[in-house]
Amino acid sequence: MNRPPNMQQIMKQAQQMQEQLMAAQAELAEMTFEGSAGGGVVKATVRGSNELIAVEIASDVIDPSEPEMLQDLVVAAVNGAMRAASEAAESQMGGLAGGLGGLGGLLG
């Protein structure tokens, strides 16, 4: 026999999941992720909150006659750091999202 879902239990589960999600987001926001380019001559560090917090450039890669090369390296390093942060967020949040099926089948 199929019993209807207990709404009070479903609301409690949803509240717990929301608390877990908020805690995971806060944890991710404080984590740092690094990306590099040009074999490590340019490094970028971002927080999980998508805030760029540092860029390191090796002095030997700075060539005033070729600013485009340095610009490309900076962009690649920042994109790498952002990608690492995004992958960590997907991994961490994916585990929480898996619990959505437990809400009495109402969400899926």
PDB file of N, CA and C in Angstrom:
ATOM      1  N   MET A   1       0.837  -1.176   0.000  1.00  0.00           N
ATOM      2  CA  MET A   1       0.000   0.000   0.000  1.00  0.00           C
ATOM      3  C   MET A   1       0.881   1.239   0.000  1.00  0.00           C
ATOM      4  N   ASN A   2       0.550   2.199  -0.793  1.00  0.00           N
ATOM      5  CA  ASN A   2       1.330   3.429  -0.938  1.00  0.00           C
ATOM      6  C   ASN A   2       0.758   4.505  -0.039  1.00  0.00           C
ATOM      7  N   ARG A   3       1.561   4.934   0.968  1.00  0.00           N
ATOM      8  CA  ARG A   3       1.096   5.974   1.889  1.00  0.00           C
ATOM      9  C   ARG A   3       1.514   7.334   1.357  1.00  0.00           C
ATOM     10  N   PRO A   4       0.676   8.339   1.534  1.00  0.00           N
ATOM     11  CA  PRO A   4       1.059   9.688   1.099  1.00  0.00           C
ATOM     12  C   PRO A   4       2.242  10.177   1.931  1.00  0.00           C
ATOM     13  N   PRO A   5       3.093  10.992   1.336  1.00  0.00           N
ATOM     14  CA  PRO A   5       4.252  11.491   2.073  1.00  0.00           C
ATOM     15  C   PRO A   5       3.833  12.364   3.250  1.00  0.00           C
ATOM     16  N   ASN A   6       4.580  12.302   4.314  1.00  0.00           N
ATOM     17  CA  ASN A   6       4.344  13.100   5.504  1.00  0.00           C
ATOM     18  C   ASN A   6       4.931  14.491   5.247  1.00  0.00           C
ATOM     19  N   MET A   7       4.079  15.493   5.104  1.00  0.00           N
ATOM     20  CA  MET A   7       4.526  16.845   4.756  1.00  0.00           C
ATOM     21  C   MET A   7       5.454  17.435   5.808  1.00  0.00           C
ATOM     22  N   GLN A   8       5.186  17.134   7.077  1.00  0.00           N
ATOM     23  CA  GLN A   8       6.037  17.661   8.141  1.00  0.00           C
ATOM     24  C   GLN A   8       7.457  17.090   8.006  1.00  0.00           C
ATOM     25  N   GLN A   9       7.555  15.805   7.716  1.00  0.00           N
ATOM     26  CA  GLN A   9       8.865  15.168   7.541  1.00  0.00           C
ATOM     27  C   GLN A   9       9.571  15.728   6.303  1.00  0.00           C
ATOM     28  N   ILE A  10       8.820  15.959   5.248  1.00  0.00           N
ATOM     29  CA  ILE A  10       9.399  16.507   4.018  1.00  0.00           C
ATOM     30  C   ILE A  10       9.931  17.917   4.277  1.00  0.00           C
ATOM     31  N   MET A  11       9.194  18.723   5.000  1.00  0.00           N
ATOM     32  CA  MET A  11       9.645  20.089   5.316  1.00  0.00           C
ATOM     33  C   MET A  11      10.902  20.060   6.181  1.00  0.00           C
ATOM     34  N   LYS A  12      10.958  19.117   7.116  1.00  0.00           N
ATOM     35  CA  LYS A  12      12.130  18.989   7.976  1.00  0.00           C
ATOM     36  C   LYS A  12      13.357  18.604   7.146  1.00  0.00           C
ATOM     37  N   GLN A  13      13.189  17.662   6.233  1.00  0.00           N
ATOM     38  CA  GLN A  13      14.284  17.255   5.359  1.00  0.00           C
ATOM     39  C   GLN A  13      14.739  18.415   4.480  1.00  0.00           C
ATOM     40  N   ALA A  14      13.796  19.175   3.959  1.00  0.00           N
ATOM     41  CA  ALA A  14      14.135  20.314   3.107  1.00  0.00           C
ATOM     42  C   ALA A  14      14.915  21.366   3.888  1.00  0.00           C
ATOM     43  N   GLN A  15      14.518  21.608   5.125  1.00  0.00           N
ATOM     44  CA  GLN A  15      15.220  22.580   5.961  1.00  0.00           C
ATOM     45  C   GLN A  15      16.641  22.097   6.259  1.00  0.00           C
ATOM     46  N   GLN A  16      16.803  20.817   6.547  1.00  0.00           N
ATOM     47  CA  GLN A  16      18.134  20.261   6.805  1.00  0.00           C
ATOM     48  C   GLN A  16      19.025  20.386   5.568  1.00  0.00           C
ATOM     49  N   MET A  17      18.451  20.107   4.424  1.00  0.00           N
ATOM     50  CA  MET A  17      19.222  20.204   3.184  1.00  0.00           C
ATOM     51  C   MET A  17      19.614  21.650   2.901  1.00  0.00           C
ATOM     52  N   GLN A  18      18.721  22.578   3.179  1.00  0.00           N
ATOM     53  CA  GLN A  18      19.041  23.990   2.975  1.00  0.00           C
ATOM     54  C   GLN A  18      20.183  24.415   3.895  1.00  0.00           C
ATOM     55  N   GLU A  19      20.159  23.954   5.129  1.00  0.00           N
ATOM     56  CA  GLU A  19      21.244  24.265   6.067  1.00  0.00           C
ATOM     57  C   GLU A  19      22.563  23.670   5.593  1.00  0.00           C
ATOM     58  N   GLN A  20      22.525  22.441   5.094  1.00  0.00           N
ATOM     59  CA  GLN A  20      23.733  21.806   4.571  1.00  0.00           C
ATOM     60  C   GLN A  20      24.265  22.558   3.359  1.00  0.00           C
ATOM     61  N   LEU A  21      23.371  22.995   2.494  1.00  0.00           N
ATOM     62  CA  LEU A  21      23.759  23.744   1.303  1.00  0.00           C
ATOM     63  C   LEU A  21      24.420  25.060   1.683  1.00  0.00           C
ATOM     64  N   MET A  22      23.838  25.756   2.633  1.00  0.00           N
ATOM     65  CA  MET A  22      24.410  27.031   3.066  1.00  0.00           C
ATOM     66  C   MET A  22      25.791  26.830   3.695  1.00  0.00           C
ATOM     67  N   ALA A  23      25.947  25.777   4.472  1.00  0.00           N
ATOM     68  CA  ALA A  23      27.244  25.483   5.087  1.00  0.00           C
ATOM     69  C   ALA A  23      28.274  25.146   4.016  1.00  0.00           C
ATOM     70  N   ALA A  24      27.880  24.376   3.022  1.00  0.00           N
ATOM     71  CA  ALA A  24      28.791  24.017   1.935  1.00  0.00           C
ATOM     72  C   ALA A  24      29.190  25.253   1.139  1.00  0.00           C
ATOM     73  N   GLN A  25      28.248  26.151   0.878  1.00  0.00           N
ATOM     74  CA  GLN A  25      28.554  27.378   0.144  1.00  0.00           C
ATOM     75  C   GLN A  25      29.525  28.253   0.932  1.00  0.00           C
ATOM     76  N   ALA A  26      29.334  28.345   2.233  1.00  0.00           N
ATOM     77  CA  ALA A  26      30.233  29.149   3.065  1.00  0.00           C
ATOM     78  C   ALA A  26      31.633  28.546   3.075  1.00  0.00           C
ATOM     79  N   GLU A  27      31.701  27.237   3.150  1.00  0.00           N
ATOM     80  CA  GLU A  27      32.997  26.552   3.130  1.00  0.00           C
ATOM     81  C   GLU A  27      33.709  26.782   1.799  1.00  0.00           C
ATOM     82  N   LEU A  28      32.981  26.637   0.710  1.00  0.00           N
ATOM     83  CA  LEU A  28      33.562  26.858  -0.621  1.00  0.00           C
ATOM     84  C   LEU A  28      34.044  28.297  -0.789  1.00  0.00           C
ATOM     85  N   ALA A  29      33.304  29.241  -0.255  1.00  0.00           N
ATOM     86  CA  ALA A  29      33.665  30.651  -0.409  1.00  0.00           C
ATOM     87  C   ALA A  29      35.018  30.954   0.216  1.00  0.00           C
ATOM     88  N   GLU A  30      35.398  30.205   1.233  1.00  0.00           N
ATOM     89  CA  GLU A  30      36.670  30.440   1.914  1.00  0.00           C
ATOM     90  C   GLU A  30      37.826  29.653   1.305  1.00  0.00           C
ATOM     91  N   MET A  31      37.533  28.658   0.502  1.00  0.00           N
ATOM     92  CA  MET A  31      38.589  27.845  -0.104  1.00  0.00           C
ATOM     93  C   MET A  31      39.276  28.632  -1.217  1.00  0.00           C
ATOM     94  N   THR A  32      40.540  28.312  -1.466  1.00  0.00           N
ATOM     95  CA  THR A  32      41.256  28.964  -2.558  1.00  0.00           C
ATOM     96  C   THR A  32      41.645  27.926  -3.601  1.00  0.00           C
ATOM     97  N   PHE A  33      41.713  28.395  -4.840  1.00  0.00           N
ATOM     98  CA  PHE A  33      42.028  27.538  -5.976  1.00  0.00           C
ATOM     99  C   PHE A  33      43.042  28.261  -6.855  1.00  0.00           C
ATOM    100  N   GLU A  34      43.971  27.492  -7.406  1.00  0.00           N
ATOM    101  CA  GLU A  34      45.022  28.096  -8.208  1.00  0.00           C
ATOM    102  C   GLU A  34      44.981  27.566  -9.632  1.00  0.00           C
ATOM    103  N   GLY A  35      45.296  28.458 -10.546  1.00  0.00           N
ATOM    104  CA  GLY A  35      45.463  28.088 -11.943  1.00  0.00           C
ATOM    105  C   GLY A  35      46.781  28.662 -12.413  1.00  0.00           C
ATOM    106  N   SER A  36      47.390  28.015 -13.384  1.00  0.00           N
ATOM    107  CA  SER A  36      48.657  28.533 -13.889  1.00  0.00           C
ATOM    108  C   SER A  36      48.700  28.403 -15.405  1.00  0.00           C
ATOM    109  N   ALA A  37      49.627  29.135 -16.006  1.00  0.00           N
ATOM    110  CA  ALA A  37      49.795  29.106 -17.455  1.00  0.00           C
ATOM    111  C   ALA A  37      51.274  29.302 -17.767  1.00  0.00           C
ATOM    112  N   GLY A  38      51.645  28.888 -18.975  1.00  0.00           N
ATOM    113  CA  GLY A  38      53.023  29.070 -19.414  1.00  0.00           C
ATOM    114  C   GLY A  38      53.999  28.264 -18.578  1.00  0.00           C
ATOM    115  N   GLY A  39      53.583  27.082 -18.156  1.00  0.00           N
ATOM    116  CA  GLY A  39      54.463  26.259 -17.352  1.00  0.00           C
ATOM    117  C   GLY A  39      54.666  26.802 -15.950  1.00  0.00           C
ATOM    118  N   GLY A  40      53.744  27.603 -15.472  1.00  0.00           N
ATOM    119  CA  GLY A  40      53.812  28.127 -14.111  1.00  0.00           C
ATOM    120  C   GLY A  40      54.388  29.531 -14.007  1.00  0.00           C
ATOM    121  N   VAL A  41      54.667  30.185 -15.152  1.00  0.00           N
ATOM    122  CA  VAL A  41      55.217  31.545 -15.079  1.00  0.00           C
ATOM    123  C   VAL A  41      54.164  32.568 -14.681  1.00  0.00           C
ATOM    124  N   VAL A  42      52.899  32.216 -14.866  1.00  0.00           N
ATOM    125  CA  VAL A  42      51.797  33.061 -14.408  1.00  0.00           C
ATOM    126  C   VAL A  42      50.872  32.182 -13.576  1.00  0.00           C
ATOM    127  N   LYS A  43      50.571  32.636 -12.363  1.00  0.00           N
ATOM    128  CA  LYS A  43      49.677  31.902 -11.469  1.00  0.00           C
ATOM    129  C   LYS A  43      48.582  32.844 -10.990  1.00  0.00           C
ATOM    130  N   ALA A  44      47.385  32.304 -10.903  1.00  0.00           N
ATOM    131  CA  ALA A  44      46.249  33.077 -10.399  1.00  0.00           C
ATOM    132  C   ALA A  44      45.600  32.287  -9.268  1.00  0.00           C
ATOM    133  N   THR A  45      45.160  33.001  -8.251  1.00  0.00           N
ATOM    134  CA  THR A  45      44.477  32.376  -7.123  1.00  0.00           C
ATOM    135  C   THR A  45      43.113  33.032  -6.951  1.00  0.00           C
ATOM    136  N   VAL A  46      42.085  32.194  -6.837  1.00  0.00           N
ATOM    137  CA  VAL A  46      40.724  32.682  -6.626  1.00  0.00           C
ATOM    138  C   VAL A  46      40.138  31.998  -5.407  1.00  0.00           C
ATOM    139  N   ARG A  47      39.143  32.630  -4.829  1.00  0.00           N
ATOM    140  CA  ARG A  47      38.357  32.011  -3.762  1.00  0.00           C
ATOM    141  C   ARG A  47      37.184  31.289  -4.409  1.00  0.00           C
ATOM    142  N   GLY A  48      36.598  30.403  -3.646  1.00  0.00           N
ATOM    143  CA  GLY A  48      35.421  29.692  -4.122  1.00  0.00           C
ATOM    144  C   GLY A  48      34.246  30.613  -4.377  1.00  0.00           C
ATOM    145  N   SER A  49      34.323  31.832  -3.871  1.00  0.00           N
ATOM    146  CA  SER A  49      33.280  32.830  -4.101  1.00  0.00           C
ATOM    147  C   SER A  49      33.506  33.577  -5.417  1.00  0.00           C
ATOM    148  N   ASN A  50      34.413  33.059  -6.253  1.00  0.00           N
ATOM    149  CA  ASN A  50      34.752  33.643  -7.556  1.00  0.00           C
ATOM    150  C   ASN A  50      35.423  35.006  -7.441  1.00  0.00           C
ATOM    151  N   GLU A  51      36.180  35.201  -6.385  1.00  0.00           N
ATOM    152  CA  GLU A  51      36.922  36.443  -6.187  1.00  0.00           C
ATOM    153  C   GLU A  51      38.390  36.180  -6.502  1.00  0.00           C
ATOM    154  N   LEU A  52      38.941  36.938  -7.450  1.00  0.00           N
ATOM    155  CA  LEU A  52      40.361  36.841  -7.770  1.00  0.00           C
ATOM    156  C   LEU A  52      41.129  37.502  -6.639  1.00  0.00           C
ATOM    157  N   ILE A  53      42.045  36.759  -5.989  1.00  0.00           N
ATOM    158  CA  ILE A  53      42.744  37.328  -4.839  1.00  0.00           C
ATOM    159  C   ILE A  53      44.238  37.515  -5.081  1.00  0.00           C
ATOM    160  N   ALA A  54      44.803  36.874  -6.113  1.00  0.00           N
ATOM    161  CA  ALA A  54      46.236  37.051  -6.361  1.00  0.00           C
ATOM    162  C   ALA A  54      46.591  36.655  -7.781  1.00  0.00           C
ATOM    163  N   VAL A  55      47.565  37.360  -8.323  1.00  0.00           N
ATOM    164  CA  VAL A  55      48.167  37.010  -9.609  1.00  0.00           C
ATOM    165  C   VAL A  55      49.672  37.138  -9.427  1.00  0.00           C
ATOM    166  N   GLU A  56      50.386  36.072  -9.767  1.00  0.00           N
ATOM    167  CA  GLU A  56      51.847  36.093  -9.695  1.00  0.00           C
ATOM    168  C   GLU A  56      52.389  35.955 -11.109  1.00  0.00           C
ATOM    169  N   ILE A  57      53.335  36.815 -11.446  1.00  0.00           N
ATOM    170  CA  ILE A  57      53.937  36.796 -12.784  1.00  0.00           C
ATOM    171  C   ILE A  57      55.452  36.752 -12.621  1.00  0.00           C
ATOM    172  N   ALA A  58      56.074  35.757 -13.224  1.00  0.00           N
ATOM    173  CA  ALA A  58      57.527  35.665 -13.195  1.00  0.00           C
ATOM    174  C   ALA A  58      58.112  36.826 -13.989  1.00  0.00           C
ATOM    175  N   SER A  59      59.127  37.455 -13.447  1.00  0.00           N
ATOM    176  CA  SER A  59      59.688  38.655 -14.078  1.00  0.00           C
ATOM    177  C   SER A  59      60.248  38.387 -15.475  1.00  0.00           C
ATOM    178  N   ASP A  60      60.734  37.181 -15.719  1.00  0.00           N
ATOM    179  CA  ASP A  60      61.325  36.900 -17.025  1.00  0.00           C
ATOM    180  C   ASP A  60      60.292  36.764 -18.146  1.00  0.00           C
ATOM    181  N   VAL A  61      59.016  36.709 -17.811  1.00  0.00           N
ATOM    182  CA  VAL A  61      57.977  36.598 -18.843  1.00  0.00           C
ATOM    183  C   VAL A  61      57.443  37.983 -19.247  1.00  0.00           C
ATOM    184  N   ILE A  62      57.852  39.013 -18.515  1.00  0.00           N
ATOM    185  CA  ILE A  62      57.377  40.367 -18.812  1.00  0.00           C
ATOM    186  C   ILE A  62      58.229  40.949 -19.939  1.00  0.00           C
ATOM    187  N   ASP A  63      57.619  41.066 -21.103  1.00  0.00           N
ATOM    188  CA  ASP A  63      58.295  41.610 -22.288  1.00  0.00           C
ATOM    189  C   ASP A  63      57.443  42.765 -22.812  1.00  0.00           C
ATOM    190  N   PRO A  64      57.906  44.012 -22.612  1.00  0.00           N
ATOM    191  CA  PRO A  64      57.113  45.167 -23.043  1.00  0.00           C
ATOM    192  C   PRO A  64      56.768  45.165 -24.530  1.00  0.00           C
ATOM    193  N   SER A  65      57.553  44.457 -25.324  1.00  0.00           N
ATOM    194  CA  SER A  65      57.268  44.432 -26.764  1.00  0.00           C
ATOM    195  C   SER A  65      56.188  43.413 -27.116  1.00  0.00           C
ATOM    196  N   GLU A  66      55.786  42.554 -26.178  1.00  0.00           N
ATOM    197  CA  GLU A  66      54.752  41.541 -26.434  1.00  0.00           C
ATOM    198  C   GLU A  66      53.723  41.486 -25.299  1.00  0.00           C
ATOM    199  N   PRO A  67      52.996  42.557 -25.069  1.00  0.00           N
ATOM    200  CA  PRO A  67      52.018  42.541 -23.968  1.00  0.00           C
ATOM    201  C   PRO A  67      50.899  41.522 -24.185  1.00  0.00           C
ATOM    202  N   GLU A  68      50.587  41.221 -25.441  1.00  0.00           N
ATOM    203  CA  GLU A  68      49.501  40.274 -25.720  1.00  0.00           C
ATOM    204  C   GLU A  68      49.801  38.892 -25.160  1.00  0.00           C
ATOM    205  N   MET A  69      51.068  38.474 -25.212  1.00  0.00           N
ATOM    206  CA  MET A  69      51.419  37.159 -24.689  1.00  0.00           C
ATOM    207  C   MET A  69      51.156  37.104 -23.184  1.00  0.00           C
ATOM    208  N   LEU A  70      51.566  38.131 -22.466  1.00  0.00           N
ATOM    209  CA  LEU A  70      51.347  38.167 -21.025  1.00  0.00           C
ATOM    210  C   LEU A  70      49.854  38.235 -20.705  1.00  0.00           C
ATOM    211  N   GLN A  71      49.131  39.012 -21.475  1.00  0.00           N
ATOM    212  CA  GLN A  71      47.686  39.103 -21.271  1.00  0.00           C
ATOM    213  C   GLN A  71      47.033  37.729 -21.444  1.00  0.00           C
ATOM    214  N   ASP A  72      47.438  37.016 -22.485  1.00  0.00           N
ATOM    215  CA  ASP A  72      46.881  35.679 -22.728  1.00  0.00           C
ATOM    216  C   ASP A  72      47.211  34.719 -21.588  1.00  0.00           C
ATOM    217  N   LEU A  73      48.427  34.804 -21.062  1.00  0.00           N
ATOM    218  CA  LEU A  73      48.827  33.939 -19.955  1.00  0.00           C
ATOM    219  C   LEU A  73      48.021  34.238 -18.695  1.00  0.00           C
ATOM    220  N   VAL A  74      47.785  35.516 -18.429  1.00  0.00           N
ATOM    221  CA  VAL A  74      46.991  35.898 -17.259  1.00  0.00           C
ATOM    222  C   VAL A  74      45.560  35.372 -17.398  1.00  0.00           C
ATOM    223  N   VAL A  75      44.979  35.560 -18.570  1.00  0.00           N
ATOM    224  CA  VAL A  75      43.612  35.078 -18.797  1.00  0.00           C
ATOM    225  C   VAL A  75      43.545  33.564 -18.628  1.00  0.00           C
ATOM    226  N   ALA A  76      44.521  32.841 -19.170  1.00  0.00           N
ATOM    227  CA  ALA A  76      44.527  31.377 -19.060  1.00  0.00           C
ATOM    228  C   ALA A  76      44.672  30.938 -17.602  1.00  0.00           C
ATOM    229  N   ALA A  77      45.531  31.612 -16.854  1.00  0.00           N
ATOM    230  CA  ALA A  77      45.724  31.248 -15.443  1.00  0.00           C
ATOM    231  C   ALA A  77      44.455  31.513 -14.628  1.00  0.00           C
ATOM    232  N   VAL A  78      43.837  32.655 -14.856  1.00  0.00           N
ATOM    233  CA  VAL A  78      42.601  32.981 -14.122  1.00  0.00           C
ATOM    234  C   VAL A  78      41.496  32.002 -14.496  1.00  0.00           C
ATOM    235  N   ASN A  79      41.361  31.697 -15.773  1.00  0.00           N
ATOM    236  CA  ASN A  79      40.342  30.733 -16.198  1.00  0.00           C
ATOM    237  C   ASN A  79      40.589  29.359 -15.580  1.00  0.00           C
ATOM    238  N   GLY A  80      41.845  28.950 -15.476  1.00  0.00           N
ATOM    239  CA  GLY A  80      42.165  27.671 -14.854  1.00  0.00           C
ATOM    240  C   GLY A  80      41.772  27.645 -13.385  1.00  0.00           C
ATOM    241  N   ALA A  81      42.045  28.727 -12.671  1.00  0.00           N
ATOM    242  CA  ALA A  81      41.670  28.806 -11.261  1.00  0.00           C
ATOM    243  C   ALA A  81      40.153  28.804 -11.101  1.00  0.00           C
ATOM    244  N   MET A  82      39.459  29.543 -11.947  1.00  0.00           N
ATOM    245  CA  MET A  82      37.996  29.586 -11.880  1.00  0.00           C
ATOM    246  C   MET A  82      37.392  28.213 -12.208  1.00  0.00           C
ATOM    247  N   ARG A  83      37.992  27.521 -13.157  1.00  0.00           N
ATOM    248  CA  ARG A  83      37.517  26.186 -13.517  1.00  0.00           C
ATOM    249  C   ARG A  83      37.690  25.235 -12.324  1.00  0.00           C
ATOM    250  N   ALA A  84      38.837  25.314 -11.637  1.00  0.00           N
ATOM    251  CA  ALA A  84      39.067  24.468 -10.463  1.00  0.00           C
ATOM    252  C   ALA A  84      38.037  24.757  -9.372  1.00  0.00           C
ATOM    253  N   ALA A  85      37.738  26.020  -9.159  1.00  0.00           N
ATOM    254  CA  ALA A  85      36.734  26.396  -8.158  1.00  0.00           C
ATOM    255  C   ALA A  85      35.354  25.869  -8.557  1.00  0.00           C
ATOM    256  N   SER A  86      35.028  25.992  -9.821  1.00  0.00           N
ATOM    257  CA  SER A  86      33.730  25.531 -10.314  1.00  0.00           C
ATOM    258  C   SER A  86      33.591  24.018 -10.182  1.00  0.00           C
ATOM    259  N   GLU A  87      34.657  23.293 -10.503  1.00  0.00           N
ATOM    260  CA  GLU A  87      34.614  21.841 -10.387  1.00  0.00           C
ATOM    261  C   GLU A  87      34.457  21.410  -8.936  1.00  0.00           C
ATOM    262  N   ALA A  88      35.126  22.106  -8.029  1.00  0.00           N
ATOM    263  CA  ALA A  88      34.991  21.790  -6.605  1.00  0.00           C
ATOM    264  C   ALA A  88      33.563  22.057  -6.134  1.00  0.00           C
ATOM    265  N   ALA A  89      32.983  23.154  -6.606  1.00  0.00           N
ATOM    266  CA  ALA A  89      31.604  23.487  -6.225  1.00  0.00           C
ATOM    267  C   ALA A  89      30.637  22.432  -6.755  1.00  0.00           C
ATOM    268  N   GLU A  90      30.818  22.025  -8.006  1.00  0.00           N
ATOM    269  CA  GLU A  90      29.938  21.002  -8.580  1.00  0.00           C
ATOM    270  C   GLU A  90      30.050  19.699  -7.810  1.00  0.00           C
ATOM    271  N   SER A  91      31.269  19.340  -7.452  1.00  0.00           N
ATOM    272  CA  SER A  91      31.487  18.096  -6.718  1.00  0.00           C
ATOM    273  C   SER A  91      30.827  18.152  -5.346  1.00  0.00           C
ATOM    274  N   GLN A  92      31.040  19.246  -4.643  1.00  0.00           N
ATOM    275  CA  GLN A  92      30.495  19.375  -3.290  1.00  0.00           C
ATOM    276  C   GLN A  92      28.977  19.516  -3.316  1.00  0.00           C
ATOM    277  N   MET A  93      28.464  20.312  -4.215  1.00  0.00           N
ATOM    278  CA  MET A  93      27.022  20.533  -4.272  1.00  0.00           C
ATOM    279  C   MET A  93      26.297  19.341  -4.889  1.00  0.00           C
ATOM    280  N   GLY A  94      26.976  18.614  -5.750  1.00  0.00           N
ATOM    281  CA  GLY A  94      26.362  17.450  -6.370  1.00  0.00           C
ATOM    282  C   GLY A  94      25.961  16.413  -5.344  1.00  0.00           C
ATOM    283  N   GLY A  95      26.777  16.241  -4.316  1.00  0.00           N
ATOM    284  CA  GLY A  95      26.445  15.297  -3.256  1.00  0.00           C
ATOM    285  C   GLY A  95      25.205  15.710  -2.495  1.00  0.00           C
ATOM    286  N   LEU A  96      25.053  17.010  -2.309  1.00  0.00           N
ATOM    287  CA  LEU A  96      23.860  17.498  -1.616  1.00  0.00           C
ATOM    288  C   LEU A  96      22.630  17.367  -2.492  1.00  0.00           C
ATOM    289  N   ALA A  97      22.778  17.658  -3.779  1.00  0.00           N
ATOM    290  CA  ALA A  97      21.633  17.591  -4.686  1.00  0.00           C
ATOM    291  C   ALA A  97      21.112  16.167  -4.819  1.00  0.00           C
ATOM    292  N   GLY A  98      21.988  15.185  -4.621  1.00  0.00           N
ATOM    293  CA  GLY A  98      21.560  13.795  -4.690  1.00  0.00           C
ATOM    294  C   GLY A  98      20.515  13.463  -3.641  1.00  0.00           C
ATOM    295  N   GLY A  99      20.498  14.218  -2.564  1.00  0.00           N
ATOM    296  CA  GLY A  99      19.526  13.973  -1.499  1.00  0.00           C
ATOM    297  C   GLY A  99      18.141  14.489  -1.818  1.00  0.00           C
ATOM    298  N   LEU A 100      18.002  15.219  -2.896  1.00  0.00           N
ATOM    299  CA  LEU A 100      16.683  15.768  -3.227  1.00  0.00           C
ATOM    300  C   LEU A 100      15.669  14.685  -3.543  1.00  0.00           C
ATOM    301  N   GLY A 101      16.139  13.546  -4.020  1.00  0.00           N
ATOM    302  CA  GLY A 101      15.219  12.456  -4.324  1.00  0.00           C
ATOM    303  C   GLY A 101      14.554  11.889  -3.094  1.00  0.00           C
ATOM    304  N   GLY A 102      15.113  12.168  -1.933  1.00  0.00           N
ATOM    305  CA  GLY A 102      14.568  11.647  -0.691  1.00  0.00           C
ATOM    306  C   GLY A 102      13.426  12.468  -0.137  1.00  0.00           C
ATOM    307  N   LEU A 103      13.004  13.460  -0.841  1.00  0.00           N
ATOM    308  CA  LEU A 103      11.915  14.310  -0.333  1.00  0.00           C
ATOM    309  C   LEU A 103      10.554  13.744  -0.733  1.00  0.00           C
ATOM    310  N   GLY A 104      10.367  12.488  -0.460  1.00  0.00           N
ATOM    311  CA  GLY A 104       9.060  11.881  -0.700  1.00  0.00           C
ATOM    312  C   GLY A 104       8.708  11.785  -2.162  1.00  0.00           C
ATOM    313  N   GLY A 105       9.692  11.904  -3.031  1.00  0.00           N
ATOM    314  CA  GLY A 105       9.437  11.805  -4.460  1.00  0.00           C
ATOM    315  C   GLY A 105       8.747  13.003  -5.050  1.00  0.00           C
ATOM    316  N   LEU A 106       8.628  14.079  -4.290  1.00  0.00           N
ATOM    317  CA  LEU A 106       7.900  15.253  -4.777  1.00  0.00           C
ATOM    318  C   LEU A 106       8.687  16.041  -5.826  1.00  0.00           C
ATOM    319  N   LEU A 107      10.017  15.912  -5.801  1.00  0.00           N
ATOM    320  CA  LEU A 107      10.831  16.714  -6.718  1.00  0.00           C
ATOM    321  C   LEU A 107      11.303  15.923  -7.921  1.00  0.00           C
ATOM    322  N   GLY A 108      10.856  14.766  -8.113  1.00  0.00           N
ATOM    323  CA  GLY A 108      11.370  14.042  -9.266  1.00  0.00           C
ATOM    324  C   GLY A 108      10.712  12.789  -9.565  1.00  0.00           C
TER     325      GLY A 108
END
